[in-house]
Amino acid sequence: KEYGKALPALRKAVQYQPDNAQAHLYEGACLRIAGDHEQAKAAFLKAAKLDPKSAEALKQSGLSLLLDAQSLQQAGKHEQSQQQAEQAVGYLQRAVAIKADVQARVWLAQGYALSRQLDKAREEFNRVLKMDPANADARSGLERVQG
């Protein structure tokens, strides 16, 4: 958990092996923890491009785009938010197709909701609740899209 020490080593790994998807993924994780959202997003997107079958790279790329979409929504930039959410959905759909974990499905449902695909959002939130009936994020998300 010494992310500050890991980041310089990961940057060297990326510099010496720019096609190493795993190094980009770990770099993105360290950058996100350090609070550098934009560089983290770039690292995750690079990892997903290099290894399009990496569920984790796709999931983290989708999350980064979803966080951007949420920020745009809060700023009242609804059209831009919807476009960003649609991009997030693409990454998250691919991640779920590879490895359908609960958290990726919650983010996918949130992406559907932000991109105004409310029927798909309801379906996905319900799918999560079947997998994990106590999932508070899915329950509150479902309440929002139904209301």
C-alpha atoms as a PDB file:
ATOM      1  CA  LYS A   1       0.000   0.000   0.000  1.00  0.00           C
ATOM      2  CA  GLU A   2       2.931   2.347  -0.550  1.00  0.00           C
ATOM      3  CA  TYR A   3       1.477   3.843  -3.712  1.00  0.00           C
ATOM      4  CA  GLY A   4       3.711   6.905  -3.643  1.00  0.00           C
ATOM      5  CA  LYS A   5       6.765   4.654  -3.871  1.00  0.00           C
ATOM      6  CA  ALA A   6       5.178   2.398  -6.483  1.00  0.00           C
ATOM      7  CA  LEU A   7       4.272   5.173  -8.913  1.00  0.00           C
ATOM      8  CA  PRO A   8       7.844   6.092  -9.971  1.00  0.00           C
ATOM      9  CA  ALA A   9       8.637   2.414 -10.536  1.00  0.00           C
ATOM     10  CA  LEU A  10       5.486   1.960 -12.582  1.00  0.00           C
ATOM     11  CA  ARG A  11       6.267   5.039 -14.640  1.00  0.00           C
ATOM     12  CA  LYS A  12       9.671   3.544 -15.434  1.00  0.00           C
ATOM     13  CA  ALA A  13       8.016   0.258 -16.369  1.00  0.00           C
ATOM     14  CA  VAL A  14       5.663   2.105 -18.718  1.00  0.00           C
ATOM     15  CA  GLN A  15       8.578   4.070 -20.169  1.00  0.00           C
ATOM     16  CA  TYR A  16      10.646   0.940 -20.858  1.00  0.00           C
ATOM     17  CA  GLN A  17       7.712  -1.261 -21.849  1.00  0.00           C
ATOM     18  CA  PRO A  18       5.045   1.049 -23.322  1.00  0.00           C
ATOM     19  CA  ASP A  19       3.051  -1.951 -24.570  1.00  0.00           C
ATOM     20  CA  ASN A  20       2.748  -3.492 -21.090  1.00  0.00           C
ATOM     21  CA  ALA A  21      -0.986  -3.244 -20.334  1.00  0.00           C
ATOM     22  CA  GLN A  22      -0.558  -4.443 -16.749  1.00  0.00           C
ATOM     23  CA  ALA A  23       1.946  -1.664 -15.986  1.00  0.00           C
ATOM     24  CA  HIS A  24      -0.518   0.938 -17.327  1.00  0.00           C
ATOM     25  CA  LEU A  25      -3.302  -0.613 -15.242  1.00  0.00           C
ATOM     26  CA  TYR A  26      -1.257  -0.485 -12.028  1.00  0.00           C
ATOM     27  CA  GLU A  27      -0.066   3.024 -12.850  1.00  0.00           C
ATOM     28  CA  GLY A  28      -3.706   4.074 -13.248  1.00  0.00           C
ATOM     29  CA  ALA A  29      -4.590   2.563  -9.880  1.00  0.00           C
ATOM     30  CA  CYS A  30      -1.786   4.474  -8.159  1.00  0.00           C
ATOM     31  CA  LEU A  31      -2.725   7.697  -9.924  1.00  0.00           C
ATOM     32  CA  ARG A  32      -6.387   7.330  -8.921  1.00  0.00           C
ATOM     33  CA  ILE A  33      -5.382   6.841  -5.287  1.00  0.00           C
ATOM     34  CA  ALA A  34      -3.095   9.875  -5.568  1.00  0.00           C
ATOM     35  CA  GLY A  35      -6.094  11.891  -6.797  1.00  0.00           C
ATOM     36  CA  ASP A  36      -4.923  12.452 -10.375  1.00  0.00           C
ATOM     37  CA  HIS A  37      -8.133  11.443 -12.130  1.00  0.00           C
ATOM     38  CA  GLU A  38      -7.183  12.552 -15.646  1.00  0.00           C
ATOM     39  CA  GLN A  39      -3.852  10.742 -15.755  1.00  0.00           C
ATOM     40  CA  ALA A  40      -5.417   7.684 -14.130  1.00  0.00           C
ATOM     41  CA  LYS A  41      -8.121   7.652 -16.795  1.00  0.00           C
ATOM     42  CA  ALA A  42      -5.500   7.923 -19.536  1.00  0.00           C
ATOM     43  CA  ALA A  43      -3.542   5.011 -18.055  1.00  0.00           C
ATOM     44  CA  PHE A  44      -6.657   2.838 -17.771  1.00  0.00           C
ATOM     45  CA  LEU A  45      -7.738   3.644 -21.332  1.00  0.00           C
ATOM     46  CA  LYS A  46      -4.235   2.779 -22.565  1.00  0.00           C
ATOM     47  CA  ALA A  47      -4.334  -0.539 -20.671  1.00  0.00           C
ATOM     48  CA  ALA A  48      -7.730  -1.355 -22.192  1.00  0.00           C
ATOM     49  CA  LYS A  49      -6.469  -0.494 -25.665  1.00  0.00           C
ATOM     50  CA  LEU A  50      -3.390  -2.678 -25.230  1.00  0.00           C
ATOM     51  CA  ASP A  51      -5.336  -5.573 -23.714  1.00  0.00           C
ATOM     52  CA  PRO A  52      -8.987  -5.392 -24.818  1.00  0.00           C
ATOM     53  CA  LYS A  53      -9.694  -8.683 -23.032  1.00  0.00           C
ATOM     54  CA  SER A  54      -8.649  -7.410 -19.612  1.00  0.00           C
ATOM     55  CA  ALA A  55     -11.864  -7.159 -17.606  1.00  0.00           C
ATOM     56  CA  GLU A  56     -10.119  -5.015 -14.983  1.00  0.00           C
ATOM     57  CA  ALA A  57      -8.731  -2.523 -17.536  1.00  0.00           C
ATOM     58  CA  LEU A  58     -12.159  -2.260 -19.180  1.00  0.00           C
ATOM     59  CA  LYS A  59     -13.876  -1.902 -15.812  1.00  0.00           C
ATOM     60  CA  GLN A  60     -11.521   0.833 -14.597  1.00  0.00           C
ATOM     61  CA  SER A  61     -11.757   2.671 -17.931  1.00  0.00           C
ATOM     62  CA  GLY A  62     -15.536   2.536 -17.714  1.00  0.00           C
ATOM     63  CA  LEU A  63     -15.485   3.767 -14.125  1.00  0.00           C
ATOM     64  CA  SER A  64     -13.234   6.696 -15.064  1.00  0.00           C
ATOM     65  CA  LEU A  65     -15.593   7.712 -17.858  1.00  0.00           C
ATOM     66  CA  LEU A  66     -18.613   7.233 -15.587  1.00  0.00           C
ATOM     67  CA  LEU A  67     -17.071   9.520 -12.955  1.00  0.00           C
ATOM     68  CA  ASP A  68     -16.555  12.144 -15.659  1.00  0.00           C
ATOM     69  CA  ALA A  69     -20.177  11.739 -16.746  1.00  0.00           C
ATOM     70  CA  GLN A  70     -21.377  12.213 -13.155  1.00  0.00           C
ATOM     71  CA  SER A  71     -19.277  15.380 -12.801  1.00  0.00           C
ATOM     72  CA  LEU A  72     -20.659  16.767 -16.050  1.00  0.00           C
ATOM     73  CA  GLN A  73     -24.202  15.940 -14.910  1.00  0.00           C
ATOM     74  CA  GLN A  74     -23.648  17.794 -11.629  1.00  0.00           C
ATOM     75  CA  ALA A  75     -22.308  20.780 -13.585  1.00  0.00           C
ATOM     76  CA  GLY A  76     -25.510  20.878 -15.634  1.00  0.00           C
ATOM     77  CA  LYS A  77     -23.798  19.739 -18.825  1.00  0.00           C
ATOM     78  CA  HIS A  78     -26.402  17.099 -19.572  1.00  0.00           C
ATOM     79  CA  GLU A  79     -25.663  16.411 -23.238  1.00  0.00           C
ATOM     80  CA  GLN A  80     -21.934  15.989 -22.580  1.00  0.00           C
ATOM     81  CA  SER A  81     -22.722  13.841 -19.557  1.00  0.00           C
ATOM     82  CA  GLN A  82     -24.912  11.563 -21.634  1.00  0.00           C
ATOM     83  CA  GLN A  83     -22.203  11.157 -24.289  1.00  0.00           C
ATOM     84  CA  GLN A  84     -19.566  10.368 -21.671  1.00  0.00           C
ATOM     85  CA  ALA A  85     -21.926   7.871 -20.008  1.00  0.00           C
ATOM     86  CA  GLU A  86     -22.472   6.139 -23.352  1.00  0.00           C
ATOM     87  CA  GLN A  87     -18.718   5.703 -23.700  1.00  0.00           C
ATOM     88  CA  ALA A  88     -18.542   4.325 -20.156  1.00  0.00           C
ATOM     89  CA  VAL A  89     -21.306   1.849 -20.982  1.00  0.00           C
ATOM     90  CA  GLY A  90     -19.303   0.491 -23.912  1.00  0.00           C
ATOM     91  CA  TYR A  91     -16.316  -0.314 -21.713  1.00  0.00           C
ATOM     92  CA  LEU A  92     -18.454  -1.684 -18.892  1.00  0.00           C
ATOM     93  CA  GLN A  93     -20.491  -3.916 -21.213  1.00  0.00           C
ATOM     94  CA  ARG A  94     -17.278  -5.468 -22.482  1.00  0.00           C
ATOM     95  CA  ALA A  95     -15.961  -5.887 -18.915  1.00  0.00           C
ATOM     96  CA  VAL A  96     -19.166  -7.601 -17.792  1.00  0.00           C
ATOM     97  CA  ALA A  97     -19.105  -9.895 -20.822  1.00  0.00           C
ATOM     98  CA  ILE A  98     -15.647 -11.092 -19.728  1.00  0.00           C
ATOM     99  CA  LYS A  99     -16.188 -11.164 -15.959  1.00  0.00           C
ATOM    100  CA  ALA A 100     -19.609 -10.357 -14.599  1.00  0.00           C
ATOM    101  CA  ASP A 101     -18.836  -9.141 -11.101  1.00  0.00           C
ATOM    102  CA  VAL A 102     -21.379  -7.233  -9.039  1.00  0.00           C
ATOM    103  CA  GLN A 103     -19.491  -3.923  -8.938  1.00  0.00           C
ATOM    104  CA  ALA A 104     -19.033  -3.792 -12.712  1.00  0.00           C
ATOM    105  CA  ARG A 105     -22.763  -4.442 -13.126  1.00  0.00           C
ATOM    106  CA  VAL A 106     -23.643  -1.630 -10.710  1.00  0.00           C
ATOM    107  CA  TRP A 107     -21.460   0.785 -12.678  1.00  0.00           C
ATOM    108  CA  LEU A 108     -22.979  -0.468 -15.935  1.00  0.00           C
ATOM    109  CA  ALA A 109     -26.478   0.181 -14.583  1.00  0.00           C
ATOM    110  CA  GLN A 110     -25.420   3.669 -13.477  1.00  0.00           C
ATOM    111  CA  GLY A 111     -23.994   4.286 -16.942  1.00  0.00           C
ATOM    112  CA  TYR A 112     -27.264   3.198 -18.521  1.00  0.00           C
ATOM    113  CA  ALA A 113     -29.156   5.561 -16.225  1.00  0.00           C
ATOM    114  CA  LEU A 114     -26.906   8.529 -17.036  1.00  0.00           C
ATOM    115  CA  SER A 115     -27.129   7.814 -20.760  1.00  0.00           C
ATOM    116  CA  ARG A 116     -30.923   7.755 -20.450  1.00  0.00           C
ATOM    117  CA  GLN A 117     -31.265   4.051 -21.210  1.00  0.00           C
ATOM    118  CA  LEU A 118     -33.649   3.623 -18.309  1.00  0.00           C
ATOM    119  CA  ASP A 119     -35.085   0.221 -19.258  1.00  0.00           C
ATOM    120  CA  LYS A 120     -31.576  -1.221 -19.447  1.00  0.00           C
ATOM    121  CA  ALA A 121     -30.664   0.495 -16.171  1.00  0.00           C
ATOM    122  CA  ARG A 122     -33.670  -1.102 -14.435  1.00  0.00           C
ATOM    123  CA  GLU A 123     -32.787  -4.519 -15.868  1.00  0.00           C
ATOM    124  CA  GLU A 124     -29.188  -4.247 -14.733  1.00  0.00           C
ATOM    125  CA  PHE A 125     -30.043  -2.969 -11.242  1.00  0.00           C
ATOM    126  CA  ASN A 126     -32.507  -5.866 -10.875  1.00  0.00           C
ATOM    127  CA  ARG A 127     -29.834  -8.310 -12.067  1.00  0.00           C
ATOM    128  CA  VAL A 128     -27.473  -6.989  -9.399  1.00  0.00           C
ATOM    129  CA  LEU A 129     -30.152  -7.329  -6.724  1.00  0.00           C
ATOM    130  CA  LYS A 130     -30.682 -10.967  -7.702  1.00  0.00           C
ATOM    131  CA  MET A 131     -26.939 -11.532  -7.296  1.00  0.00           C
ATOM    132  CA  ASP A 132     -26.688  -9.468  -4.098  1.00  0.00           C
ATOM    133  CA  PRO A 133     -30.051  -8.579  -2.517  1.00  0.00           C
ATOM    134  CA  ALA A 134     -28.370  -6.328   0.053  1.00  0.00           C
ATOM    135  CA  ASN A 135     -26.572  -4.143  -2.507  1.00  0.00           C
ATOM    136  CA  ALA A 136     -27.435  -0.602  -1.411  1.00  0.00           C
ATOM    137  CA  ASP A 137     -26.089   1.044  -4.588  1.00  0.00           C
ATOM    138  CA  ALA A 138     -28.309  -1.119  -6.782  1.00  0.00           C
ATOM    139  CA  ARG A 139     -31.337  -0.571  -4.567  1.00  0.00           C
ATOM    140  CA  SER A 140     -30.959   3.223  -4.528  1.00  0.00           C
ATOM    141  CA  GLY A 141     -30.171   3.283  -8.248  1.00  0.00           C
ATOM    142  CA  LEU A 142     -33.281   1.287  -9.019  1.00  0.00           C
ATOM    143  CA  GLU A 143     -35.383   3.625  -6.875  1.00  0.00           C
ATOM    144  CA  ARG A 144     -34.014   6.640  -8.783  1.00  0.00           C
ATOM    145  CA  VAL A 145     -34.740   5.210 -12.243  1.00  0.00           C
ATOM    146  CA  GLN A 146     -38.203   4.030 -11.206  1.00  0.00           C
ATOM    147  CA  GLY A 147     -39.077   7.372  -9.629  1.00  0.00           C
END
